[in-house]
Amino acid sequence: DLVEARISFASSRVDEALPRLLATARHLVPLDVDLARETFLDTLSAAMFAGRLASEAHVREVAAAARGTT
């Protein structure tokens, strides 16, 4: 899932990639909190990098989720 989400982002499919990255990060929380945190931060970076291509709702959701694992 993580690899597919990263491929989606690299392919400029931001609206598809951000929810997939976020879902993957949430899935990782009970399995590996460090990897989940890293994935949340990667997702936040991707959302900020995407700028106007990312919906504001996605960026806020990613930021809120990332704060929850620190």
N, C-alpha and C. Protein backbone atom coordinates (compact mmCIF):
# COMPACT_ATOMS: atom_id res chain seq x y z
N ASP A 1 0.81 -1.20 0.00
CA ASP A 1 0.00 0.00 0.00
C ASP A 1 0.86 1.26 0.00
N LEU A 2 1.90 1.26 0.83
CA LEU A 2 2.76 2.44 0.92
C LEU A 2 3.45 2.70 -0.41
N VAL A 3 3.96 1.66 -1.02
CA VAL A 3 4.66 1.82 -2.30
C VAL A 3 3.69 2.31 -3.37
N GLU A 4 2.50 1.73 -3.42
CA GLU A 4 1.50 2.16 -4.41
C GLU A 4 1.10 3.62 -4.20
N ALA A 5 0.96 4.03 -2.95
CA ALA A 5 0.61 5.42 -2.67
C ALA A 5 1.72 6.36 -3.09
N ARG A 6 2.96 5.98 -2.85
CA ARG A 6 4.09 6.81 -3.27
C ARG A 6 4.18 6.90 -4.79
N ILE A 7 3.87 5.80 -5.46
CA ILE A 7 3.85 5.81 -6.93
C ILE A 7 2.76 6.76 -7.43
N SER A 8 1.60 6.72 -6.80
CA SER A 8 0.51 7.63 -7.18
C SER A 8 0.95 9.08 -7.05
N PHE A 9 1.63 9.40 -5.96
CA PHE A 9 2.09 10.78 -5.77
C PHE A 9 3.12 11.15 -6.82
N ALA A 10 4.07 10.25 -7.06
CA ALA A 10 5.12 10.53 -8.05
C ALA A 10 4.55 10.68 -9.45
N SER A 11 3.39 10.07 -9.68
CA SER A 11 2.74 10.15 -10.98
C SER A 11 1.79 11.34 -11.08
N SER A 12 1.90 12.25 -10.12
CA SER A 12 1.08 13.47 -10.08
C SER A 12 -0.40 13.19 -9.87
N ARG A 13 -0.72 12.08 -9.24
CA ARG A 13 -2.11 11.78 -8.89
C ARG A 13 -2.31 12.11 -7.41
N VAL A 14 -2.17 13.37 -7.08
CA VAL A 14 -2.16 13.83 -5.69
C VAL A 14 -3.45 13.50 -4.97
N ASP A 15 -4.60 13.76 -5.60
CA ASP A 15 -5.87 13.50 -4.94
C ASP A 15 -6.07 12.03 -4.62
N GLU A 16 -5.41 11.17 -5.35
CA GLU A 16 -5.45 9.73 -5.06
C GLU A 16 -4.38 9.36 -4.04
N ALA A 17 -3.23 9.96 -4.13
CA ALA A 17 -2.08 9.57 -3.31
C ALA A 17 -2.24 9.96 -1.84
N LEU A 18 -2.68 11.17 -1.56
CA LEU A 18 -2.74 11.61 -0.17
C LEU A 18 -3.67 10.76 0.69
N PRO A 19 -4.88 10.45 0.25
CA PRO A 19 -5.73 9.57 1.08
C PRO A 19 -5.12 8.18 1.25
N ARG A 20 -4.44 7.68 0.22
CA ARG A 20 -3.82 6.35 0.33
C ARG A 20 -2.65 6.37 1.30
N LEU A 21 -1.82 7.42 1.22
CA LEU A 21 -0.71 7.55 2.17
C LEU A 21 -1.24 7.67 3.59
N LEU A 22 -2.27 8.46 3.78
CA LEU A 22 -2.85 8.65 5.10
C LEU A 22 -3.44 7.35 5.65
N ALA A 23 -4.15 6.63 4.81
CA ALA A 23 -4.72 5.35 5.24
C ALA A 23 -3.63 4.36 5.62
N THR A 24 -2.55 4.35 4.86
CA THR A 24 -1.44 3.45 5.15
C THR A 24 -0.80 3.82 6.48
N ALA A 25 -0.60 5.11 6.72
CA ALA A 25 -0.01 5.55 7.99
C ALA A 25 -0.89 5.14 9.16
N ARG A 26 -2.19 5.33 9.02
CA ARG A 26 -3.11 4.94 10.10
C ARG A 26 -3.08 3.43 10.34
N HIS A 27 -2.97 2.68 9.28
CA HIS A 27 -2.90 1.22 9.40
C HIS A 27 -1.63 0.79 10.14
N LEU A 28 -0.56 1.54 9.97
CA LEU A 28 0.72 1.19 10.58
C LEU A 28 0.80 1.50 12.07
N VAL A 29 -0.05 2.37 12.59
CA VAL A 29 0.05 2.80 13.99
C VAL A 29 0.13 1.63 14.97
N PRO A 30 -0.79 0.66 14.92
CA PRO A 30 -0.68 -0.43 15.90
C PRO A 30 0.46 -1.41 15.61
N LEU A 31 0.99 -1.38 14.41
CA LEU A 31 2.03 -2.33 14.01
C LEU A 31 3.43 -1.80 14.26
N ASP A 32 3.65 -0.53 13.92
CA ASP A 32 4.99 0.07 14.03
C ASP A 32 4.81 1.59 14.12
N VAL A 33 4.76 2.09 15.34
CA VAL A 33 4.45 3.51 15.54
C VAL A 33 5.53 4.41 14.92
N ASP A 34 6.78 3.98 14.92
CA ASP A 34 7.83 4.81 14.32
C ASP A 34 7.65 4.92 12.81
N LEU A 35 7.36 3.80 12.16
CA LEU A 35 7.12 3.83 10.72
C LEU A 35 5.84 4.61 10.40
N ALA A 36 4.84 4.47 11.25
CA ALA A 36 3.60 5.22 11.06
C ALA A 36 3.88 6.72 11.14
N ARG A 37 4.64 7.14 12.15
CA ARG A 37 4.98 8.55 12.31
C ARG A 37 5.73 9.06 11.09
N GLU A 38 6.69 8.27 10.63
CA GLU A 38 7.46 8.65 9.44
C GLU A 38 6.54 8.79 8.23
N THR A 39 5.59 7.87 8.10
CA THR A 39 4.67 7.90 6.98
C THR A 39 3.73 9.10 7.08
N PHE A 40 3.26 9.42 8.30
CA PHE A 40 2.45 10.63 8.48
C PHE A 40 3.23 11.87 8.05
N LEU A 41 4.48 11.95 8.46
CA LEU A 41 5.29 13.12 8.11
C LEU A 41 5.58 13.17 6.61
N ASP A 42 5.82 12.00 6.00
CA ASP A 42 5.98 11.95 4.54
C ASP A 42 4.71 12.44 3.84
N THR A 43 3.57 12.03 4.38
CA THR A 43 2.29 12.42 3.80
C THR A 43 2.08 13.93 3.94
N LEU A 44 2.43 14.47 5.10
CA LEU A 44 2.33 15.91 5.30
C LEU A 44 3.25 16.66 4.35
N SER A 45 4.46 16.17 4.19
CA SER A 45 5.41 16.79 3.25
C SER A 45 4.86 16.74 1.83
N ALA A 46 4.28 15.60 1.46
CA ALA A 46 3.70 15.46 0.12
C ALA A 46 2.55 16.44 -0.08
N ALA A 47 1.72 16.61 0.96
CA ALA A 47 0.60 17.54 0.86
C ALA A 47 1.09 18.97 0.70
N MET A 48 2.12 19.34 1.45
CA MET A 48 2.66 20.69 1.34
C MET A 48 3.35 20.89 0.00
N PHE A 49 4.05 19.87 -0.48
CA PHE A 49 4.72 19.94 -1.77
C PHE A 49 3.70 20.10 -2.90
N ALA A 50 2.57 19.41 -2.76
CA ALA A 50 1.54 19.45 -3.80
C ALA A 50 0.89 20.82 -3.90
N GLY A 51 0.92 21.57 -2.82
CA GLY A 51 0.36 22.91 -2.83
C GLY A 51 -1.08 22.94 -3.25
N ARG A 52 -1.39 23.71 -4.28
CA ARG A 52 -2.78 23.87 -4.71
C ARG A 52 -3.35 22.61 -5.35
N LEU A 53 -2.50 21.65 -5.69
CA LEU A 53 -3.02 20.41 -6.26
C LEU A 53 -3.70 19.54 -5.20
N ALA A 54 -3.35 19.77 -3.94
CA ALA A 54 -3.96 19.02 -2.84
C ALA A 54 -5.15 19.79 -2.31
N SER A 55 -6.22 19.09 -1.99
CA SER A 55 -7.36 19.79 -1.42
C SER A 55 -7.02 20.23 0.00
N GLU A 56 -7.58 21.34 0.41
CA GLU A 56 -7.32 21.87 1.76
C GLU A 56 -7.76 20.88 2.83
N ALA A 57 -8.85 20.16 2.56
CA ALA A 57 -9.33 19.16 3.52
C ALA A 57 -8.30 18.07 3.73
N HIS A 58 -7.65 17.61 2.66
CA HIS A 58 -6.63 16.58 2.79
C HIS A 58 -5.46 17.07 3.63
N VAL A 59 -5.02 18.28 3.38
CA VAL A 59 -3.87 18.83 4.11
C VAL A 59 -4.21 18.93 5.59
N ARG A 60 -5.38 19.42 5.93
CA ARG A 60 -5.78 19.52 7.34
C ARG A 60 -5.89 18.15 7.99
N GLU A 61 -6.47 17.21 7.29
CA GLU A 61 -6.62 15.86 7.83
C GLU A 61 -5.26 15.22 8.08
N VAL A 62 -4.34 15.38 7.15
CA VAL A 62 -2.99 14.83 7.30
C VAL A 62 -2.29 15.47 8.50
N ALA A 63 -2.39 16.78 8.63
CA ALA A 63 -1.74 17.48 9.74
C ALA A 63 -2.31 17.02 11.08
N ALA A 64 -3.61 16.88 11.17
CA ALA A 64 -4.24 16.43 12.41
C ALA A 64 -3.80 15.01 12.75
N ALA A 65 -3.74 14.15 11.76
CA ALA A 65 -3.33 12.76 12.00
C ALA A 65 -1.87 12.69 12.42
N ALA A 66 -1.03 13.49 11.80
CA ALA A 66 0.40 13.50 12.14
C ALA A 66 0.60 13.97 13.58
N ARG A 67 -0.15 14.96 14.00
CA ARG A 67 -0.04 15.44 15.39
C ARG A 67 -0.42 14.36 16.38
N GLY A 68 -1.32 13.48 16.00
CA GLY A 68 -1.79 12.44 16.90
C GLY A 68 -0.76 11.37 17.23
N THR A 69 0.33 11.30 16.50
CA THR A 69 1.34 10.26 16.75
C THR A 69 2.61 10.80 17.36
N THR A 70 2.64 12.07 17.71
CA THR A 70 3.86 12.64 18.29
C THR A 70 3.82 12.59 19.79
